[in-house]
Amino acid sequence: MRKLYLSVPVLMLFAAGCLGYLQSDDFPSSAELNERLLPFQDYITEEFLYQHLSVIAHDSLEGRETGMPGQKITAQYLSDYYTGLGLTPVGDNDTYFQRFKLDAERADSLVYRTYRIEGSDTTLVDHSVASPESHSDYIQLFGGAKPLKGDIVFAGFGANDPDRGVKHLDGTELQDKWVLVFEDIPYIVDGDTLVNPGFSNNNRFTEIVSRNDAKGILVIGNETPEEFTDLQRLNSHLVSKPGNMRLQYLERSPARRGYPKGYVQISPDIAIELLGLNNFAELRQLKEGLTKNITEFIPHQLSYLLDYSPHEGIVEIETENVVAYLEGSDPDLKDEVIILTAHYDHIGITQPDETGDYINNGADDNGSGTVALMAIANALQKASEDGIGPRRSILFLHVSAEEVGLLGSRYYSDHPIFPIENTIANYNADMIGRSTTERQASGDTDYIFIIGGDIISSSLDSLVHVANRESVDMELDYTYNDLEDRNQFYRRSDHWNFGRLEIPFVFFFTGVHEDYHRPGDTVDKIDFPKLTRTTRLVYSSTLQVANYDGRPEVDNQQFIDITRNMPR
């Protein structure tokens, strides 16, 4: 089909002339309506997306963690936006909010007692309490959902590379012990490969905790005692953050426990005590010596024991989806709904990265999808004001609690505002503002990963292809569009809670990059030309399904079998 581009003034005159036509019995065809609506994509601009993303991903919102003030402020920002736009509020009590409650675990304090064992004598050498009111010599990085008590084994770098003679996890029993290691594994030093770079920190955790059944890992970081003091202050604020969230109505039992084993960073002072050293300089010398003689080290048990006890309880968290509605223009089809989803929450504040930044802004994840929906709503509202609207209705669904288990979209799918049987498709935009590290390096960035589509509904997939040809003509990359894909992206974002109910979906996604779930996911790294083109593709795809004469059907038997065999 020929692409039609009209200036806004010409478009307004054209729309005004056809207003009576749209209201007559002679309703335009799908192709005609798509052609009239497509030029409104010109309202989707880099400037619009930048303006709103700069607010949503600002440091002041502290990463929009579910239940935290930044998430609440973002919800209100979206509500105010849709109020100004004039879309219909369809949430609770005629608001834009669909509220729901979560149960979560919140620690009052984490208690660490360190004992020195000398023959039959046991002496308490450190009693640390991590809480909002106190600093601890132990910083919980993750896990530690149950009490843990055990002797401490020093395992050097905690790395095993038999081909290079590195056996830091062999030679002593690790079961039921705490394993003390230096944080950084020296893979390559002065051009020599000491440890295979494929042996990552994840491999180390798996080897120590999963295969050797250790109590947990104690990490000696690179910070000086003064730098560790700054970490202690931050950690005190993080101790009481709610975690391990779940929807109240799915299970009435206490909230599910987090990972039982511990992964803990210790202070330099505790490391010096445990290793029998005199000062921080000797601690650094020990690390340097281990690096130089990495193949000679043999792990050994220390004369110390660590007893860890979490003190926590269950708290209730209230959060909200944001829902805005554009009614369809066709009396026969307006009861059918297309749902556009994007989660607006992120992971909030965490331990600092190497730059000292601890706010995970989530500009790409998923500020990008959030502002994309806002831009699409704006374009469709402009068309509506000119008397042109899609045949079917569209629900803009900004969900919360995605990062803690797709809980917001699960809540909506279990408590739909519009009947599930009238929900004909879901388009989900999550991380659409950047490119993968590999694609960025090659300069080949004009692409979008399509997940869903033909592995669910061949007709919905075809509509996306038509939309692409008529709008931005990007590369549609199907690398991850596989029910057997090891990443399982087809069920790792909010579209899955519609897919599990056999509603056709397409997940628009530009891939994982080096700043995924890190403080580096900031607005300055967003590729706004790409985000604009991707948003226009979602807009055009929305027009195609909203004006389609039929309705997309799930027609892949493998997908049907998978979803019907999974718990709902």
Protein backbone atom coordinates (compact mmCIF):
# COMPACT_ATOMS: atom_id res chain seq x y z
CA MET A 1 0.00 0.00 0.00
CA ARG A 2 1.19 3.50 -0.80
CA LYS A 3 2.36 5.41 2.24
CA LEU A 4 0.34 8.58 2.82
CA TYR A 5 2.00 11.55 4.52
CA LEU A 6 -0.02 14.69 5.11
CA SER A 7 0.87 17.82 6.98
CA VAL A 8 -1.14 18.38 10.15
CA PRO A 9 -3.16 21.36 8.72
CA VAL A 10 -4.04 19.41 5.57
CA LEU A 11 -4.84 16.36 7.67
CA MET A 12 -7.21 18.36 9.89
CA LEU A 13 -9.10 19.67 6.85
CA PHE A 14 -9.27 16.16 5.43
CA ALA A 15 -10.50 14.73 8.74
CA ALA A 16 -13.12 17.45 9.17
CA GLY A 17 -14.45 16.66 5.71
CA CYS A 18 -14.76 12.97 6.45
CA LEU A 19 -16.31 13.31 9.92
CA GLY A 20 -19.82 12.99 8.60
CA TYR A 21 -18.72 10.07 6.46
CA LEU A 22 -17.46 8.17 9.49
CA GLN A 23 -20.76 8.72 11.22
CA SER A 24 -22.79 7.50 8.24
CA ASP A 25 -23.87 3.95 7.50
CA ASP A 26 -21.23 3.73 4.80
CA PHE A 27 -18.36 2.84 7.19
CA PRO A 28 -14.90 2.95 5.59
CA SER A 29 -12.99 -0.23 4.95
CA SER A 30 -10.16 -1.32 7.21
CA ALA A 31 -7.58 -0.33 4.62
CA GLU A 32 -9.12 3.12 4.20
CA LEU A 33 -9.31 3.70 7.93
CA ASN A 34 -5.70 2.59 8.43
CA GLU A 35 -4.58 4.96 5.70
CA ARG A 36 -6.36 7.88 7.36
CA LEU A 37 -5.07 7.09 10.82
CA LEU A 38 -1.46 6.31 9.90
CA PRO A 39 -0.33 9.93 9.34
CA PHE A 40 -1.08 10.70 12.98
CA GLN A 41 2.12 8.80 13.76
CA ASP A 42 3.79 12.14 13.07
CA TYR A 43 2.75 13.13 16.59
CA ILE A 44 5.11 10.43 17.88
CA THR A 45 8.32 12.40 18.06
CA GLU A 46 11.72 12.23 19.69
CA GLU A 47 10.93 15.44 21.56
CA PHE A 48 7.72 14.02 23.06
CA LEU A 49 9.42 10.80 24.17
CA TYR A 50 12.42 12.60 25.63
CA GLN A 51 10.24 15.08 27.54
CA HIS A 52 8.32 12.36 29.40
CA LEU A 53 11.17 9.87 29.78
CA SER A 54 13.31 12.55 31.42
CA VAL A 55 10.68 12.75 34.15
CA ILE A 56 9.96 9.04 34.56
CA ALA A 57 13.63 8.03 34.70
CA HIS A 58 14.78 10.94 36.87
CA ASP A 59 16.95 10.29 39.92
CA SER A 60 14.30 11.82 42.18
CA LEU A 61 12.00 8.82 41.54
CA GLU A 62 14.72 6.47 42.86
CA GLY A 63 14.07 3.71 40.35
CA ARG A 64 10.27 3.40 40.72
CA GLU A 65 10.38 0.29 42.89
CA THR A 66 6.96 -1.27 43.55
CA GLY A 67 5.30 0.22 46.60
CA MET A 68 7.95 2.91 47.01
CA PRO A 69 7.32 6.69 46.69
CA GLY A 70 8.88 6.90 43.21
CA GLN A 71 6.45 4.32 41.84
CA LYS A 72 3.51 6.19 43.39
CA ILE A 73 4.66 9.49 41.92
CA THR A 74 4.98 7.88 38.49
CA ALA A 75 1.45 6.45 38.74
CA GLN A 76 0.12 9.93 39.52
CA TYR A 77 2.13 11.40 36.66
CA LEU A 78 0.51 8.95 34.25
CA SER A 79 -2.93 9.64 35.72
CA ASP A 80 -2.44 13.40 35.30
CA TYR A 81 -1.27 12.85 31.74
CA TYR A 82 -4.32 10.85 30.72
CA THR A 83 -6.59 13.33 32.49
CA GLY A 84 -5.13 16.11 30.37
CA LEU A 85 -5.39 13.98 27.25
CA GLY A 86 -9.04 13.26 27.91
CA LEU A 87 -9.00 9.46 27.74
CA THR A 88 -11.62 7.67 29.78
CA PRO A 89 -10.66 6.54 33.30
CA VAL A 90 -11.80 2.94 33.79
CA GLY A 91 -10.12 2.11 37.08
CA ASP A 92 -11.46 2.05 40.61
CA ASN A 93 -14.13 4.65 41.39
CA ASP A 94 -13.77 6.33 37.99
CA THR A 95 -10.04 6.90 38.42
CA TYR A 96 -7.14 5.75 36.27
CA PHE A 97 -5.96 3.40 39.05
CA GLN A 98 -6.60 -0.31 39.35
CA ARG A 99 -5.31 -0.92 42.86
CA PHE A 100 -4.19 -4.26 44.25
CA LYS A 101 -2.44 -5.54 47.37
CA LEU A 102 0.69 -7.59 47.83
CA ASP A 103 2.15 -9.41 50.80
CA ALA A 104 5.88 -8.92 51.24
CA GLU A 105 8.66 -9.79 53.64
CA ARG A 106 10.38 -6.92 55.38
CA ALA A 107 13.31 -7.31 57.73
CA ASP A 108 13.44 -5.35 60.96
CA SER A 109 17.07 -6.37 61.37
CA LEU A 110 19.71 -8.86 60.28
CA VAL A 111 21.93 -10.09 63.10
CA TYR A 112 25.46 -11.45 62.59
CA ARG A 113 27.52 -12.95 65.43
CA THR A 114 31.12 -13.90 64.70
CA TYR A 115 32.94 -16.26 67.07
CA ARG A 116 36.59 -17.25 67.35
CA ILE A 117 37.12 -20.89 68.26
CA GLU A 118 40.26 -21.85 70.19
CA GLY A 119 40.17 -25.44 71.36
CA SER A 120 37.14 -25.73 73.62
CA ASP A 121 36.80 -21.93 74.00
CA THR A 122 34.38 -19.93 71.87
CA THR A 123 34.71 -16.14 72.01
CA LEU A 124 32.34 -13.58 70.49
CA VAL A 125 34.51 -11.18 68.46
CA ASP A 126 31.84 -9.24 66.55
CA HIS A 127 28.12 -8.64 67.04
CA SER A 128 26.68 -6.72 64.08
CA VAL A 129 23.08 -5.69 63.53
CA ALA A 130 22.00 -4.38 60.13
CA SER A 131 18.87 -2.27 60.45
CA PRO A 132 17.63 1.20 59.52
CA GLU A 133 19.08 2.41 62.82
CA SER A 134 22.41 0.58 62.85
CA HIS A 135 25.32 -0.29 60.60
CA SER A 136 26.75 -3.76 60.23
CA ASP A 137 30.12 -5.26 59.30
CA TYR A 138 28.13 -7.59 57.03
CA ILE A 139 26.15 -6.38 54.00
CA GLN A 140 23.57 -8.77 52.61
CA LEU A 141 23.82 -8.70 48.82
CA PHE A 142 21.02 -11.22 48.33
CA GLY A 143 19.50 -14.33 49.86
CA GLY A 144 19.65 -15.11 53.55
CA ALA A 145 15.96 -15.87 54.00
CA LYS A 146 16.55 -18.22 56.93
CA PRO A 147 18.96 -18.47 59.87
CA LEU A 148 22.39 -19.80 58.92
CA LYS A 149 25.16 -20.99 61.21
CA GLY A 150 28.46 -22.54 60.22
CA ASP A 151 32.25 -22.58 60.32
CA ILE A 152 34.18 -20.40 57.88
CA VAL A 153 36.44 -21.76 55.12
CA PHE A 154 38.85 -19.47 53.25
CA ALA A 155 38.78 -20.38 49.54
CA GLY A 156 40.97 -17.67 48.00
CA PHE A 157 39.22 -16.55 44.81
CA GLY A 158 36.70 -19.39 44.95
CA ALA A 159 37.66 -20.39 41.42
CA ASN A 160 38.24 -23.81 39.92
CA ASP A 161 40.07 -24.13 36.61
CA PRO A 162 41.76 -27.58 36.62
CA ASP A 163 43.21 -27.02 33.13
CA ARG A 164 45.31 -24.18 34.58
CA GLY A 165 45.94 -25.81 37.94
CA VAL A 166 43.60 -23.52 39.89
CA LYS A 167 41.73 -25.54 42.54
CA HIS A 168 40.49 -23.09 45.15
CA LEU A 169 37.38 -25.14 45.90
CA ASP A 170 39.10 -28.52 46.25
CA GLY A 171 40.83 -30.03 49.23
CA THR A 172 38.45 -29.28 52.10
CA GLU A 173 34.80 -29.85 52.95
CA LEU A 174 32.50 -26.93 52.07
CA GLN A 175 29.16 -28.44 53.04
CA ASP A 176 27.37 -26.44 55.75
CA LYS A 177 30.23 -23.91 55.86
CA TRP A 178 30.47 -20.23 55.05
CA VAL A 179 32.99 -19.79 52.22
CA LEU A 180 35.18 -16.68 52.32
CA VAL A 181 36.49 -15.40 48.95
CA PHE A 182 37.97 -12.29 47.38
CA GLU A 183 35.43 -10.57 45.16
CA ASP A 184 37.41 -10.24 41.92
CA ILE A 185 38.62 -13.34 40.15
CA PRO A 186 41.94 -12.52 38.37
CA TYR A 187 41.16 -13.88 34.93
CA ILE A 188 43.95 -12.22 32.95
CA VAL A 189 46.97 -10.54 34.55
CA ASP A 190 49.78 -8.93 32.52
CA GLY A 191 48.54 -10.76 29.43
CA ASP A 192 48.52 -14.19 31.10
CA THR A 193 45.23 -16.04 31.51
CA LEU A 194 45.15 -17.27 35.10
CA VAL A 195 41.49 -18.36 35.18
CA ASN A 196 39.19 -19.09 32.27
CA PRO A 197 36.97 -15.97 31.89
CA GLY A 198 34.07 -18.35 31.35
CA PHE A 199 34.20 -19.13 35.08
CA SER A 200 31.99 -16.22 36.16
CA ASN A 201 30.73 -15.11 39.55
CA ASN A 202 27.55 -17.00 38.73
CA ASN A 203 29.61 -20.15 38.18
CA ARG A 204 31.35 -19.57 41.48
CA PHE A 205 28.05 -19.19 43.31
CA THR A 206 26.70 -22.35 41.70
CA GLU A 207 29.82 -24.35 42.53
CA ILE A 208 29.99 -23.23 46.16
CA VAL A 209 26.36 -23.01 47.18
CA SER A 210 24.49 -25.39 44.90
CA ARG A 211 26.98 -28.19 44.26
CA ASN A 212 28.89 -28.09 47.54
CA ASP A 213 25.87 -27.15 49.68
CA ALA A 214 27.64 -24.36 51.56
CA LYS A 215 25.69 -22.06 53.88
CA GLY A 216 26.67 -19.10 51.76
CA ILE A 217 29.47 -16.90 50.48
CA LEU A 218 31.33 -14.15 52.32
CA VAL A 219 32.91 -11.68 49.89
CA ILE A 220 35.94 -9.48 50.53
CA GLY A 221 35.40 -6.44 48.35
CA ASN A 222 37.81 -3.83 47.01
CA GLU A 223 36.68 -1.00 49.28
CA THR A 224 38.91 0.63 51.84
CA PRO A 225 37.58 0.78 55.42
CA GLU A 226 36.45 4.35 54.76
CA GLU A 227 34.66 3.39 51.55
CA PHE A 228 32.99 0.46 53.29
CA THR A 229 31.57 2.90 55.85
CA ASP A 230 29.70 4.63 53.01
CA LEU A 231 28.31 1.25 51.92
CA GLN A 232 27.16 0.58 55.49
CA ARG A 233 25.12 3.79 55.51
CA LEU A 234 23.39 2.88 52.27
CA ASN A 235 22.81 -0.71 53.34
CA SER A 236 21.08 0.47 56.51
CA HIS A 237 18.41 2.07 54.32
CA LEU A 238 18.09 -1.05 52.16
CA VAL A 239 17.68 -3.57 54.97
CA SER A 240 14.00 -2.84 55.52
CA LYS A 241 13.01 -2.72 51.85
CA PRO A 242 10.07 -5.09 51.21
CA GLY A 243 10.95 -8.17 49.22
CA ASN A 244 9.60 -11.51 48.02
CA MET A 245 6.26 -10.00 47.05
CA ARG A 246 3.16 -11.96 46.03
CA LEU A 247 -0.47 -11.26 45.27
CA GLN A 248 -2.54 -11.69 48.40
CA TYR A 249 -5.41 -13.51 46.74
CA LEU A 250 -3.28 -16.22 45.13
CA GLU A 251 -2.00 -17.65 48.42
CA ARG A 252 -3.27 -16.91 51.89
CA SER A 253 -0.24 -18.52 53.51
CA PRO A 254 2.72 -16.33 54.60
CA ALA A 255 4.66 -14.71 51.80
CA ARG A 256 6.98 -17.03 49.91
CA ARG A 257 10.46 -17.17 51.32
CA GLY A 258 13.37 -15.73 49.43
CA TYR A 259 16.58 -17.57 48.60
CA PRO A 260 17.64 -19.37 51.81
CA LYS A 261 21.42 -19.23 51.43
CA GLY A 262 23.39 -16.01 51.97
CA TYR A 263 25.62 -13.90 49.72
CA VAL A 264 27.27 -11.32 51.97
CA GLN A 265 29.99 -8.70 51.65
CA ILE A 266 32.11 -8.29 54.79
CA SER A 267 33.99 -5.25 56.06
CA PRO A 268 37.77 -5.04 55.64
CA ASP A 269 38.08 -5.09 59.44
CA ILE A 270 36.24 -8.42 59.68
CA ALA A 271 38.34 -9.83 56.82
CA ILE A 272 41.51 -8.79 58.67
CA GLU A 273 40.22 -10.50 61.85
CA LEU A 274 39.22 -13.73 60.09
CA LEU A 275 42.50 -14.04 58.19
CA GLY A 276 44.73 -13.26 61.17
CA LEU A 277 46.19 -10.09 59.67
CA ASN A 278 47.17 -6.80 61.28
CA ASN A 279 45.92 -4.12 58.92
CA PHE A 280 44.39 -3.29 55.53
CA ALA A 281 47.77 -3.12 53.82
CA GLU A 282 48.40 -6.76 54.73
CA LEU A 283 44.97 -7.69 53.34
CA ARG A 284 45.92 -6.20 49.98
CA GLN A 285 49.30 -7.93 50.09
CA LEU A 286 47.57 -11.26 50.71
CA LYS A 287 45.38 -10.77 47.65
CA GLU A 288 48.39 -9.83 45.52
CA GLY A 289 50.29 -12.89 46.75
CA LEU A 290 47.36 -15.18 45.95
CA THR A 291 47.25 -13.76 42.43
CA LYS A 292 50.97 -14.37 41.86
CA ASN A 293 50.81 -17.90 43.24
CA ILE A 294 47.26 -18.76 42.25
CA THR A 295 47.95 -22.43 41.54
CA GLU A 296 49.57 -23.04 44.94
CA PHE A 297 46.62 -22.04 47.12
CA ILE A 298 44.66 -24.72 48.98
CA PRO A 299 41.43 -23.80 50.80
CA HIS A 300 41.39 -24.26 54.55
CA GLN A 301 39.02 -23.89 57.46
CA LEU A 302 39.48 -20.87 59.71
CA SER A 303 39.06 -20.83 63.48
CA TYR A 304 35.86 -18.82 63.20
CA LEU A 305 32.12 -19.41 63.10
CA LEU A 306 29.37 -17.13 61.81
CA ASP A 307 25.82 -17.22 63.17
CA TYR A 308 23.29 -15.27 61.08
CA SER A 309 19.68 -14.59 62.09
CA PRO A 310 17.14 -12.52 60.13
CA HIS A 311 14.31 -10.89 62.08
CA GLU A 312 11.47 -10.15 59.72
CA GLY A 313 7.73 -10.10 59.28
CA ILE A 314 5.00 -9.86 56.66
CA VAL A 315 3.84 -6.43 55.50
CA GLU A 316 1.09 -5.36 53.13
CA ILE A 317 2.01 -3.31 50.06
CA GLU A 318 -0.60 -1.47 48.00
CA THR A 319 0.25 -0.62 44.43
CA GLU A 320 -1.67 0.17 41.26
CA ASN A 321 -1.95 -0.37 37.54
CA VAL A 322 -2.81 2.71 35.49
CA VAL A 323 -5.64 2.19 33.00
CA ALA A 324 -6.88 4.59 30.30
CA TYR A 325 -9.46 3.76 27.65
CA LEU A 326 -10.16 4.91 24.09
CA GLU A 327 -13.53 3.69 22.85
CA GLY A 328 -13.76 2.30 19.35
CA SER A 329 -15.69 4.02 16.57
CA ASP A 330 -17.51 0.99 15.12
CA PRO A 331 -20.77 0.20 16.95
CA ASP A 332 -20.41 -3.45 16.03
CA LEU A 333 -16.78 -3.83 17.17
CA LYS A 334 -16.21 -1.30 19.94
CA ASP A 335 -16.89 -3.90 22.65
CA GLU A 336 -13.78 -5.74 21.50
CA VAL A 337 -10.56 -4.47 23.09
CA ILE A 338 -6.88 -4.41 22.19
CA ILE A 339 -4.68 -4.03 25.26
CA LEU A 340 -1.36 -2.21 25.03
CA THR A 341 0.87 -2.97 28.01
CA ALA A 342 4.08 -1.56 29.45
CA HIS A 343 5.30 -1.87 33.01
CA TYR A 344 6.29 1.39 34.65
CA ASP A 345 7.98 -0.01 37.78
CA HIS A 346 11.68 -0.80 38.07
CA ILE A 347 14.06 -2.23 40.70
CA GLY A 348 14.76 0.92 42.71
CA ILE A 349 17.86 1.43 44.85
CA THR A 350 20.53 -1.26 45.15
CA GLN A 351 24.19 -1.52 46.14
CA PRO A 352 26.40 0.97 44.23
CA ASP A 353 28.06 0.04 40.98
CA GLU A 354 31.71 0.72 40.20
CA THR A 355 30.92 4.44 39.69
CA GLY A 356 29.21 4.75 43.08
CA ASP A 357 25.75 5.14 41.53
CA TYR A 358 23.01 3.22 43.33
CA ILE A 359 19.81 4.46 41.63
CA ASN A 360 18.53 2.12 38.91
CA ASN A 361 16.75 4.67 36.74
CA GLY A 362 15.22 2.14 34.37
CA ALA A 363 15.16 4.46 31.37
CA ASP A 364 15.02 1.55 28.95
CA ASP A 365 13.51 -0.93 31.44
CA ASN A 366 10.82 0.14 31.13
CA GLY A 367 10.60 3.87 30.85
CA SER A 368 10.89 3.36 27.10
CA GLY A 369 7.73 1.26 26.85
CA THR A 370 5.89 3.56 29.25
CA VAL A 371 6.45 6.69 27.17
CA ALA A 372 5.72 4.74 23.98
CA LEU A 373 2.18 4.04 25.22
CA MET A 374 1.78 7.68 26.19
CA ALA A 375 2.82 8.75 22.69
CA ILE A 376 0.48 6.27 20.99
CA ALA A 377 -2.41 7.46 23.17
CA ASN A 378 -1.62 11.04 22.21
CA ALA A 379 -1.58 10.22 18.50
CA LEU A 380 -4.90 8.37 18.67
CA GLN A 381 -6.48 11.13 20.72
CA LYS A 382 -5.40 13.69 18.12
CA ALA A 383 -7.06 11.55 15.47
CA SER A 384 -10.19 11.25 17.61
CA GLU A 385 -10.37 15.02 17.96
CA ASP A 386 -10.37 15.19 14.16
CA GLY A 387 -13.22 12.69 13.97
CA ILE A 388 -11.20 9.62 13.07
CA GLY A 389 -10.92 6.64 15.38
CA PRO A 390 -10.05 2.93 15.27
CA ARG A 391 -12.94 0.52 14.97
CA ARG A 392 -12.15 -1.44 18.13
CA SER A 393 -11.45 -0.02 21.57
CA ILE A 394 -7.97 0.27 23.02
CA LEU A 395 -6.94 -0.04 26.66
CA PHE A 396 -3.65 1.54 27.70
CA LEU A 397 -2.50 -0.62 30.61
CA HIS A 398 0.55 0.56 32.53
CA VAL A 399 1.29 -2.21 35.01
CA SER A 400 3.17 -2.19 38.28
CA ALA A 401 5.06 -5.01 40.03
CA GLU A 402 6.45 -6.51 36.81
CA GLU A 403 9.94 -6.68 38.24
CA VAL A 404 8.76 -8.77 41.21
CA GLY A 405 7.01 -11.45 39.17
CA LEU A 406 4.66 -9.95 36.51
CA LEU A 407 2.19 -9.31 39.32
CA GLY A 408 0.41 -6.25 37.94
CA SER A 409 -0.46 -7.90 34.64
CA ARG A 410 -1.40 -11.08 36.50
CA TYR A 411 -3.78 -9.04 38.64
CA TYR A 412 -5.40 -7.44 35.59
CA SER A 413 -5.75 -10.76 33.77
CA ASP A 414 -7.44 -12.24 36.85
CA HIS A 415 -9.57 -9.10 37.40
CA PRO A 416 -10.15 -7.79 33.87
CA ILE A 417 -11.92 -4.48 33.44
CA PHE A 418 -13.18 -5.71 30.08
CA PRO A 419 -14.14 -9.36 29.54
CA ILE A 420 -11.27 -11.63 28.57
CA GLU A 421 -13.40 -13.11 25.81
CA ASN A 422 -13.63 -9.62 24.27
CA THR A 423 -9.88 -9.03 24.55
CA ILE A 424 -8.64 -9.89 21.10
CA ALA A 425 -4.89 -9.14 21.31
CA ASN A 426 -2.11 -7.78 23.48
CA TYR A 427 0.86 -5.74 22.34
CA ASN A 428 3.55 -5.42 25.01
CA ALA A 429 6.40 -2.89 24.85
CA ASP A 430 9.26 -3.62 27.26
CA MET A 431 12.81 -2.33 26.71
CA ILE A 432 12.45 -0.78 23.26
CA GLY A 433 14.89 2.14 23.49
CA ARG A 434 18.34 0.66 22.96
CA SER A 435 20.13 -2.19 21.18
CA THR A 436 21.98 -5.27 22.31
CA THR A 437 25.69 -4.82 23.02
CA GLU A 438 26.55 -6.82 19.89
CA ARG A 439 24.22 -4.89 17.61
CA GLN A 440 25.41 -1.58 19.01
CA ALA A 441 29.03 -2.51 18.34
CA SER A 442 28.24 -3.45 14.73
CA GLY A 443 26.14 -0.34 14.10
CA ASP A 444 23.24 -2.53 12.95
CA THR A 445 20.57 -1.07 15.22
CA ASP A 446 17.48 -0.55 13.04
CA TYR A 447 15.73 -3.71 14.21
CA ILE A 448 13.17 -4.93 16.71
CA PHE A 449 12.83 -8.39 18.22
CA ILE A 450 9.37 -9.82 17.62
CA ILE A 451 8.34 -12.42 20.19
CA GLY A 452 4.96 -14.08 20.03
CA GLY A 453 3.41 -13.45 16.67
CA ASP A 454 3.54 -16.58 14.53
CA ILE A 455 4.37 -18.97 17.40
CA ILE A 456 0.91 -18.05 18.69
CA SER A 457 -1.16 -16.45 15.94
CA SER A 458 -0.15 -16.36 12.30
CA SER A 459 -2.76 -13.71 11.51
CA LEU A 460 -1.55 -11.36 14.25
CA ASP A 461 2.00 -11.82 12.99
CA SER A 462 0.89 -10.96 9.47
CA LEU A 463 -0.72 -7.74 10.71
CA VAL A 464 2.57 -6.65 12.29
CA HIS A 465 4.36 -7.26 8.98
CA VAL A 466 1.80 -5.15 7.13
CA ALA A 467 2.12 -2.42 9.75
CA ASN A 468 5.89 -2.45 9.40
CA ARG A 469 5.80 -2.14 5.63
CA GLU A 470 3.36 0.76 5.83
CA SER A 471 5.19 2.67 8.54
CA VAL A 472 8.86 2.35 9.48
CA ASP A 473 10.12 -0.70 7.58
CA MET A 474 12.46 -1.88 10.37
CA GLU A 475 14.11 -5.28 10.47
CA LEU A 476 11.82 -7.68 12.32
CA ASP A 477 14.20 -10.04 14.11
CA TYR A 478 12.77 -13.41 15.20
CA THR A 479 15.88 -14.67 17.01
CA TYR A 480 14.04 -15.22 20.30
CA ASN A 481 10.68 -16.15 18.80
CA ASP A 482 10.94 -19.79 19.75
CA LEU A 483 9.01 -21.73 22.38
CA GLU A 484 12.22 -23.70 23.01
CA ASP A 485 14.46 -20.63 23.32
CA ARG A 486 16.58 -20.96 26.46
CA ASN A 487 15.88 -17.32 27.41
CA GLN A 488 12.12 -18.03 27.44
CA PHE A 489 11.40 -14.40 26.58
CA TYR A 490 7.97 -15.44 25.34
CA ARG A 491 6.86 -15.68 28.98
CA ARG A 492 9.17 -13.23 30.76
CA SER A 493 7.19 -10.02 30.50
CA ASP A 494 3.60 -8.90 30.93
CA HIS A 495 2.29 -10.30 27.65
CA TRP A 496 2.52 -13.77 29.20
CA ASN A 497 -0.41 -13.15 31.52
CA PHE A 498 -2.55 -12.73 28.42
CA GLY A 499 -0.86 -15.52 26.50
CA ARG A 500 -1.57 -18.00 29.31
CA LEU A 501 -5.26 -17.24 28.70
CA GLU A 502 -4.73 -17.89 24.97
CA ILE A 503 -4.98 -14.26 23.96
CA PRO A 504 -2.68 -13.62 20.97
CA PHE A 505 0.24 -11.30 21.75
CA VAL A 506 3.33 -9.69 20.31
CA PHE A 507 6.19 -8.63 22.55
CA PHE A 508 8.18 -5.72 21.09
CA PHE A 509 11.71 -5.85 22.52
CA THR A 510 15.14 -4.51 21.52
CA GLY A 511 17.16 -6.85 23.72
CA VAL A 512 19.35 -6.99 26.80
CA HIS A 513 22.38 -4.71 27.07
CA GLU A 514 25.21 -4.12 29.56
CA ASP A 515 23.09 -1.75 31.68
CA TYR A 516 20.21 -4.17 32.23
CA HIS A 517 19.13 -3.89 35.89
CA ARG A 518 22.04 -1.58 36.61
CA PRO A 519 22.36 2.11 37.49
CA GLY A 520 23.72 2.76 33.99
CA ASP A 521 20.25 2.42 32.43
CA THR A 522 19.85 6.18 32.07
CA VAL A 523 18.11 8.57 29.67
CA ASP A 524 21.34 9.73 28.01
CA LYS A 525 21.88 6.20 26.64
CA ILE A 526 18.47 5.93 24.96
CA ASP A 527 18.52 5.84 21.16
CA PHE A 528 15.63 8.27 20.64
CA PRO A 529 15.45 7.94 16.84
CA LYS A 530 15.11 4.17 17.31
CA LEU A 531 12.62 4.54 20.17
CA THR A 532 10.54 6.83 17.94
CA ARG A 533 10.55 4.37 15.04
CA THR A 534 9.73 1.44 17.31
CA THR A 535 6.85 3.35 18.91
CA ARG A 536 5.50 4.16 15.46
CA LEU A 537 5.65 0.47 14.60
CA VAL A 538 3.59 -0.38 17.70
CA TYR A 539 1.15 2.39 16.75
CA SER A 540 0.79 1.11 13.19
CA SER A 541 0.42 -2.47 14.42
CA THR A 542 -2.32 -1.32 16.80
CA LEU A 543 -4.21 0.23 13.89
CA GLN A 544 -3.98 -3.00 11.91
CA VAL A 545 -5.52 -5.19 14.59
CA ALA A 546 -7.99 -2.54 15.76
CA ASN A 547 -9.42 -2.18 12.23
CA TYR A 548 -9.06 -5.82 11.16
CA ASP A 549 -12.26 -7.33 9.74
CA GLY A 550 -11.75 -10.58 11.62
CA ARG A 551 -10.02 -11.27 14.90
CA PRO A 552 -6.61 -12.92 15.28
CA GLU A 553 -6.84 -16.50 16.44
CA VAL A 554 -4.38 -18.66 18.35
CA ASP A 555 -3.48 -21.28 15.76
CA ASN A 556 -0.18 -22.81 16.90
CA GLN A 557 -0.97 -26.15 18.54
CA GLN A 558 2.39 -26.30 20.33
CA PHE A 559 1.62 -23.00 22.07
CA ILE A 560 -1.87 -24.21 22.95
CA ASP A 561 -0.46 -27.41 24.44
CA ILE A 562 2.15 -25.50 26.48
CA THR A 563 -0.29 -22.99 27.91
CA ARG A 564 -2.94 -25.57 28.76
CA ASN A 565 -0.39 -27.70 30.60
CA MET A 566 0.87 -24.80 32.73
CA PRO A 567 -0.75 -23.74 36.03
CA ARG A 568 -2.89 -20.66 35.69
